[in-house]
Amino acid sequence: MSRARNLKPGFFKNDILAECDPLARILFQGLWCVADREGRLEYRPKRLKAEILPYDDCDVVALTKQLADRGFVELYEIAGEQYLQVINFGKHQNPHIKESASALPAPLPQGVDSKEKPTEHRTSTVQEPCKNGSRPADSLSLDSLNPLTDSPLPLSGEPRSDDAQRTDRRESESAAGYTCRLIKAAGIPRANPGNPNLIAALSEGVTPENLAYYVINAPPGTANPFAYGIAAARNEHAKGATPITTGPKHATAKPNHRLSAVERVRLANERSEQRERELAETDFRVIEHHAPPLAADG
């Protein structure tokens, strides 16, 4: 059974994936839809050809090999049955919470006999199981599709500071996910990282801080602050407005998660008042500059 999956902008600019034939790239996308919530599927080339590339004259085995050679998928055999694992599937996909658990065995660790019948208690050492809601799927990072990473890992037993852990989370988080985290930290729960208008705004160059600012400072009584803020941020960006900074004057652009909800609301109100004062001063300077000279007496 095919399922709906996420397709990220970074897919099209991945230089390693670009080494594969175009049909191999389409096959890769189709494998996501056929795979279960853990990124696994039975490897039956003829059936995959019929489901994903029914109108193309191609060799699915050769196309799959291109993907496997570059580390995007793994082919394995257990008890005489062939399977395919999409590498990093859980990092890029958010399966629906009601999607059935995987009934297929995970790839075996090296050194384990593949002819052994799989047991229900065996766990995968290849990929962490995907748990819905555990974290947002990676999005706009162009390198996120690559199977390997050069990020240094801490030495065994070496403690990681809170700042380093926060930095790691920020670097691995998608721009859309980061934007929604800023918004939710300010007490606005309705923030969807998969919103197409949000993705479009980020692709246009609107910063997460700008988007969060306009959502957080939506007029009181706005039915959907999330939609309003995205539209306002895109509009201001199109007009060439100066991006919102993360300095002291703009404390709500990047909320401090150690602050209480009351303190975050207070900071948001202060920021809104500061913005109103800046706009008022700007309007006054414009009026003063264009005011006509007074007529001389007599």
Protein backbone atom coordinates (compact mmCIF):
# COMPACT_ATOMS: atom_id res chain seq x y z
CA MET A 1 0.00 0.00 0.00
CA SER A 2 1.41 3.36 -1.03
CA ARG A 3 1.57 6.21 1.48
CA ALA A 4 1.98 9.98 1.29
CA ARG A 5 5.50 11.15 2.16
CA ASN A 6 7.47 14.40 2.43
CA LEU A 7 9.56 15.77 -0.44
CA LYS A 8 12.09 18.44 0.54
CA PRO A 9 13.73 21.17 -1.60
CA GLY A 10 17.15 19.77 -0.71
CA PHE A 11 16.36 16.64 -2.71
CA PHE A 12 16.84 18.46 -6.01
CA LYS A 13 20.25 19.95 -5.11
CA ASN A 14 21.84 16.90 -3.53
CA ASP A 15 25.06 16.46 -5.49
CA ILE A 16 25.52 12.80 -4.54
CA LEU A 17 22.00 11.88 -5.61
CA ALA A 18 22.56 13.84 -8.83
CA GLU A 19 25.10 11.17 -9.85
CA CYS A 20 22.20 8.74 -10.29
CA ASP A 21 20.10 8.52 -13.42
CA PRO A 22 16.88 10.62 -13.39
CA LEU A 23 14.76 7.47 -13.21
CA ALA A 24 16.79 6.28 -10.22
CA ARG A 25 15.91 9.52 -8.44
CA ILE A 26 12.22 9.02 -9.22
CA LEU A 27 12.52 5.43 -8.01
CA PHE A 28 14.04 6.72 -4.78
CA GLN A 29 11.01 8.93 -4.19
CA GLY A 30 8.68 6.06 -4.99
CA LEU A 31 10.44 3.80 -2.49
CA TRP A 32 9.51 6.24 0.28
CA CYS A 33 5.83 5.79 -0.60
CA VAL A 34 6.03 2.00 -0.72
CA ALA A 35 8.14 1.64 2.45
CA ASP A 36 6.54 1.17 5.87
CA ARG A 37 6.95 3.61 8.76
CA GLU A 38 10.50 2.33 9.41
CA GLY A 39 11.57 2.77 5.76
CA ARG A 40 11.54 -0.96 4.99
CA LEU A 41 9.92 -2.88 2.15
CA GLU A 42 10.09 -6.23 0.44
CA TYR A 43 12.53 -5.97 -2.44
CA ARG A 44 10.63 -7.30 -5.44
CA PRO A 45 11.92 -5.45 -8.52
CA LYS A 46 9.07 -6.47 -10.84
CA ARG A 47 6.43 -5.29 -8.38
CA LEU A 48 8.32 -2.05 -7.71
CA LYS A 49 8.55 -1.46 -11.46
CA ALA A 50 4.77 -1.84 -11.76
CA GLU A 51 4.03 0.42 -8.79
CA ILE A 52 6.57 3.22 -9.30
CA LEU A 53 7.69 3.23 -12.96
CA PRO A 54 4.88 1.49 -14.87
CA TYR A 55 5.30 3.53 -18.08
CA ASP A 56 9.11 3.58 -18.32
CA ASP A 57 11.34 1.06 -20.05
CA CYS A 58 13.97 0.60 -17.36
CA ASP A 59 15.81 -1.90 -15.19
CA VAL A 60 14.76 -1.42 -11.56
CA VAL A 61 17.58 -3.68 -10.36
CA ALA A 62 20.20 -1.45 -12.01
CA LEU A 63 18.53 1.73 -10.76
CA THR A 64 18.35 0.37 -7.22
CA LYS A 65 22.03 -0.54 -7.38
CA GLN A 66 22.86 3.10 -8.17
CA LEU A 67 21.07 4.16 -5.00
CA ALA A 68 22.63 1.40 -2.91
CA ASP A 69 26.15 2.14 -4.16
CA ARG A 70 25.79 5.74 -2.93
CA GLY A 71 24.37 4.82 0.45
CA PHE A 72 20.76 5.91 -0.02
CA VAL A 73 19.28 2.42 0.39
CA GLU A 74 20.47 -0.91 1.75
CA LEU A 75 19.57 -4.28 0.25
CA TYR A 76 19.63 -7.26 2.61
CA GLU A 77 18.38 -10.83 2.83
CA ILE A 78 16.93 -12.67 5.81
CA ALA A 79 15.70 -16.26 5.77
CA GLY A 80 15.76 -16.31 1.97
CA GLU A 81 13.64 -13.15 1.61
CA GLN A 82 15.03 -9.94 0.13
CA TYR A 83 14.33 -6.57 1.72
CA LEU A 84 15.24 -2.93 1.20
CA GLN A 85 15.92 -0.30 3.88
CA VAL A 86 15.76 3.41 3.02
CA ILE A 87 18.68 4.95 4.90
CA ASN A 88 17.86 7.91 7.17
CA PHE A 89 14.15 7.41 6.50
CA GLY A 90 13.18 8.49 10.00
CA LYS A 91 15.19 11.69 9.64
CA HIS A 92 13.26 12.91 6.61
CA GLN A 93 9.76 11.48 7.07
CA ASN A 94 7.03 11.90 9.68
CA PRO A 95 4.73 8.86 9.30
CA HIS A 96 1.14 9.33 10.39
CA ILE A 97 0.54 8.37 14.00
CA LYS A 98 -2.02 5.76 12.90
CA GLU A 99 0.28 4.11 10.37
CA SER A 100 0.84 0.46 11.25
CA ALA A 101 4.09 -0.65 12.83
CA SER A 102 6.61 -2.37 10.61
CA ALA A 103 6.12 -6.10 10.17
CA LEU A 104 9.42 -6.54 8.31
CA PRO A 105 12.73 -7.51 9.91
CA ALA A 106 15.43 -4.87 10.26
CA PRO A 107 18.84 -5.32 8.60
CA LEU A 108 21.03 -7.67 10.60
CA PRO A 109 24.28 -6.56 12.25
CA GLN A 110 27.44 -7.67 10.55
CA GLY A 111 28.45 -11.17 11.55
CA VAL A 112 24.91 -12.47 12.12
CA ASP A 113 23.78 -15.34 9.91
CA SER A 114 21.25 -13.98 7.41
CA LYS A 115 19.71 -17.45 7.06
CA GLU A 116 18.56 -17.32 10.68
CA LYS A 117 14.81 -16.81 11.00
CA PRO A 118 14.13 -13.31 12.31
CA THR A 119 12.53 -12.96 15.73
CA GLU A 120 10.14 -10.29 16.89
CA HIS A 121 12.56 -9.25 19.63
CA ARG A 122 15.46 -8.40 17.32
CA THR A 123 16.21 -4.67 17.14
CA SER A 124 17.82 -2.75 14.31
CA THR A 125 21.38 -1.45 14.66
CA VAL A 126 21.15 0.41 11.39
CA GLN A 127 18.50 3.02 11.96
CA GLU A 128 16.67 4.35 14.96
CA PRO A 129 12.97 3.54 14.74
CA CYS A 130 10.83 6.44 13.62
CA LYS A 131 8.45 7.65 16.32
CA ASN A 132 5.77 10.07 15.23
CA GLY A 133 6.13 13.42 16.93
CA SER A 134 9.61 12.76 18.31
CA ARG A 135 11.12 15.46 16.12
CA PRO A 136 10.31 17.22 12.86
CA ALA A 137 11.61 15.65 9.68
CA ASP A 138 14.65 17.44 8.30
CA SER A 139 13.72 19.96 5.62
CA LEU A 140 15.70 22.71 3.95
CA SER A 141 19.25 21.48 4.66
CA LEU A 142 20.84 20.51 1.35
CA ASP A 143 23.21 18.08 3.06
CA SER A 144 20.53 16.33 5.07
CA LEU A 145 19.86 13.75 2.35
CA ASN A 146 23.48 12.65 2.22
CA PRO A 147 23.95 9.29 3.92
CA LEU A 148 27.23 10.22 5.63
CA THR A 149 28.19 13.11 7.86
CA ASP A 150 31.47 14.70 8.92
CA SER A 151 30.05 16.01 12.21
CA PRO A 152 32.44 15.12 15.06
CA LEU A 153 31.02 12.85 17.75
CA PRO A 154 31.91 13.24 21.43
CA LEU A 155 34.37 10.80 22.91
CA SER A 156 32.87 7.97 24.91
CA GLY A 157 31.94 9.25 28.34
CA GLU A 158 32.75 12.86 27.47
CA PRO A 159 29.97 15.15 28.79
CA ARG A 160 28.31 17.59 26.44
CA SER A 161 27.54 21.10 27.66
CA ASP A 162 24.00 22.47 27.46
CA ASP A 163 25.14 25.12 24.97
CA ALA A 164 26.76 22.51 22.74
CA GLN A 165 23.64 20.35 22.81
CA ARG A 166 21.44 23.32 21.92
CA THR A 167 23.82 24.22 19.07
CA ASP A 168 23.68 20.65 17.77
CA ARG A 169 19.88 20.68 17.85
CA ARG A 170 19.71 24.02 16.03
CA GLU A 171 22.14 22.88 13.30
CA SER A 172 20.26 19.62 12.71
CA GLU A 173 16.84 21.25 12.80
CA SER A 174 15.05 22.36 9.68
CA ALA A 175 14.39 26.04 9.04
CA ALA A 176 10.65 25.37 9.11
CA GLY A 177 10.93 23.37 12.33
CA TYR A 178 13.05 26.09 13.94
CA THR A 179 10.51 28.74 12.95
CA CYS A 180 7.67 26.76 14.51
CA ARG A 181 9.70 26.16 17.67
CA LEU A 182 10.16 29.93 18.07
CA ILE A 183 6.44 30.46 17.60
CA LYS A 184 5.36 27.69 19.99
CA ALA A 185 7.80 28.93 22.64
CA ALA A 186 5.85 32.19 22.69
CA GLY A 187 2.64 30.35 23.52
CA ILE A 188 1.16 29.93 20.02
CA PRO A 189 0.48 26.18 19.53
CA ARG A 190 -0.82 26.27 15.94
CA ALA A 191 2.43 26.16 13.97
CA ASN A 192 2.87 23.57 11.24
CA PRO A 193 6.40 23.11 9.77
CA GLY A 194 4.86 21.48 6.69
CA ASN A 195 2.69 24.49 5.85
CA PRO A 196 3.27 25.26 2.12
CA ASN A 197 3.11 29.03 2.71
CA LEU A 198 5.77 28.73 5.40
CA ILE A 199 8.02 26.70 3.10
CA ALA A 200 7.46 29.23 0.30
CA ALA A 201 8.33 32.14 2.60
CA LEU A 202 11.59 30.51 3.68
CA SER A 203 12.49 29.74 0.07
CA GLU A 204 11.94 33.43 -0.75
CA GLY A 205 14.54 34.37 1.85
CA VAL A 206 12.32 35.33 4.78
CA THR A 207 14.18 34.45 7.98
CA PRO A 208 12.72 32.27 10.75
CA GLU A 209 13.08 35.23 13.12
CA ASN A 210 11.03 37.48 10.82
CA LEU A 211 8.31 34.88 10.47
CA ALA A 212 8.17 34.25 14.22
CA TYR A 213 8.08 37.98 14.94
CA TYR A 214 5.05 38.66 12.74
CA VAL A 215 3.18 35.60 14.01
CA ILE A 216 3.86 36.44 17.66
CA ASN A 217 2.85 40.08 17.14
CA ALA A 218 -0.34 39.44 15.17
CA PRO A 219 -3.12 41.87 16.16
CA PRO A 220 -5.23 40.74 19.14
CA GLY A 221 -8.23 38.71 18.05
CA THR A 222 -6.61 37.41 14.86
CA ALA A 223 -8.30 34.09 14.07
CA ASN A 224 -5.13 32.46 12.71
CA PRO A 225 -1.95 34.27 13.86
CA PHE A 226 0.20 31.69 12.08
CA ALA A 227 -1.31 32.37 8.64
CA TYR A 228 -1.46 36.12 9.29
CA GLY A 229 2.18 36.30 10.37
CA ILE A 230 3.45 34.36 7.35
CA ALA A 231 1.53 36.63 4.97
CA ALA A 232 2.73 39.77 6.77
CA ALA A 233 6.37 38.62 6.79
CA ARG A 234 6.27 37.77 3.07
CA ASN A 235 4.68 41.12 2.30
CA GLU A 236 7.31 43.07 4.27
CA HIS A 237 10.11 41.01 2.72
CA ALA A 238 8.77 41.75 -0.77
CA LYS A 239 8.87 45.46 0.05
CA GLY A 240 12.51 45.19 1.10
CA ALA A 241 11.93 45.79 4.81
CA THR A 242 14.91 45.41 7.12
CA PRO A 243 14.99 41.88 8.60
CA ILE A 244 14.21 41.48 12.28
CA THR A 245 17.42 41.02 14.26
CA THR A 246 18.03 38.87 17.31
CA GLY A 247 19.55 41.64 19.46
CA PRO A 248 18.26 42.96 22.79
CA LYS A 249 15.66 45.19 21.06
CA HIS A 250 14.10 42.11 19.50
CA ALA A 251 14.08 39.65 22.35
CA THR A 252 10.98 37.85 21.11
CA ALA A 253 12.57 36.90 17.79
CA LYS A 254 14.46 34.06 19.51
CA PRO A 255 12.71 33.25 22.80
CA ASN A 256 14.67 32.11 25.84
CA HIS A 257 13.21 28.70 26.66
CA ARG A 258 14.24 29.06 30.30
CA LEU A 259 11.78 31.93 30.75
CA SER A 260 8.31 31.27 32.04
CA ALA A 261 5.29 31.67 29.78
CA VAL A 262 4.36 34.90 31.59
CA GLU A 263 7.83 36.36 31.03
CA ARG A 264 7.75 35.41 27.34
CA VAL A 265 4.40 37.14 26.92
CA ARG A 266 5.77 40.21 28.68
CA LEU A 267 8.76 40.28 26.33
CA ALA A 268 6.45 39.92 23.34
CA ASN A 269 4.34 42.86 24.53
CA GLU A 270 7.43 44.99 25.09
CA ARG A 271 8.67 44.16 21.63
CA SER A 272 5.30 45.07 20.12
CA GLU A 273 5.29 48.42 21.93
CA GLN A 274 8.87 49.09 20.81
CA ARG A 275 7.91 48.34 17.23
CA GLU A 276 4.96 50.72 17.41
CA ARG A 277 7.20 53.48 18.76
CA GLU A 278 9.72 52.92 15.95
CA LEU A 279 6.95 53.09 13.34
CA ALA A 280 5.55 56.26 14.92
CA GLU A 281 8.98 57.90 14.90
CA THR A 282 9.48 56.91 11.28
CA ASP A 283 6.11 58.39 10.28
CA PHE A 284 6.91 61.62 12.12
CA ARG A 285 10.25 62.00 10.35
CA VAL A 286 8.57 61.41 6.97
CA ILE A 287 5.87 64.02 7.70
CA GLU A 288 8.41 66.52 8.98
CA HIS A 289 10.59 66.03 5.89
CA HIS A 290 7.75 66.57 3.42
CA ALA A 291 5.91 69.35 5.28
CA PRO A 292 5.53 72.45 3.03
CA PRO A 293 7.25 75.67 4.20
CA LEU A 294 5.10 78.17 6.04
CA ALA A 295 4.15 81.35 4.15
CA ALA A 296 5.98 84.49 5.29
CA ASP A 297 3.89 87.03 7.22
CA GLY A 298 3.00 90.22 5.36
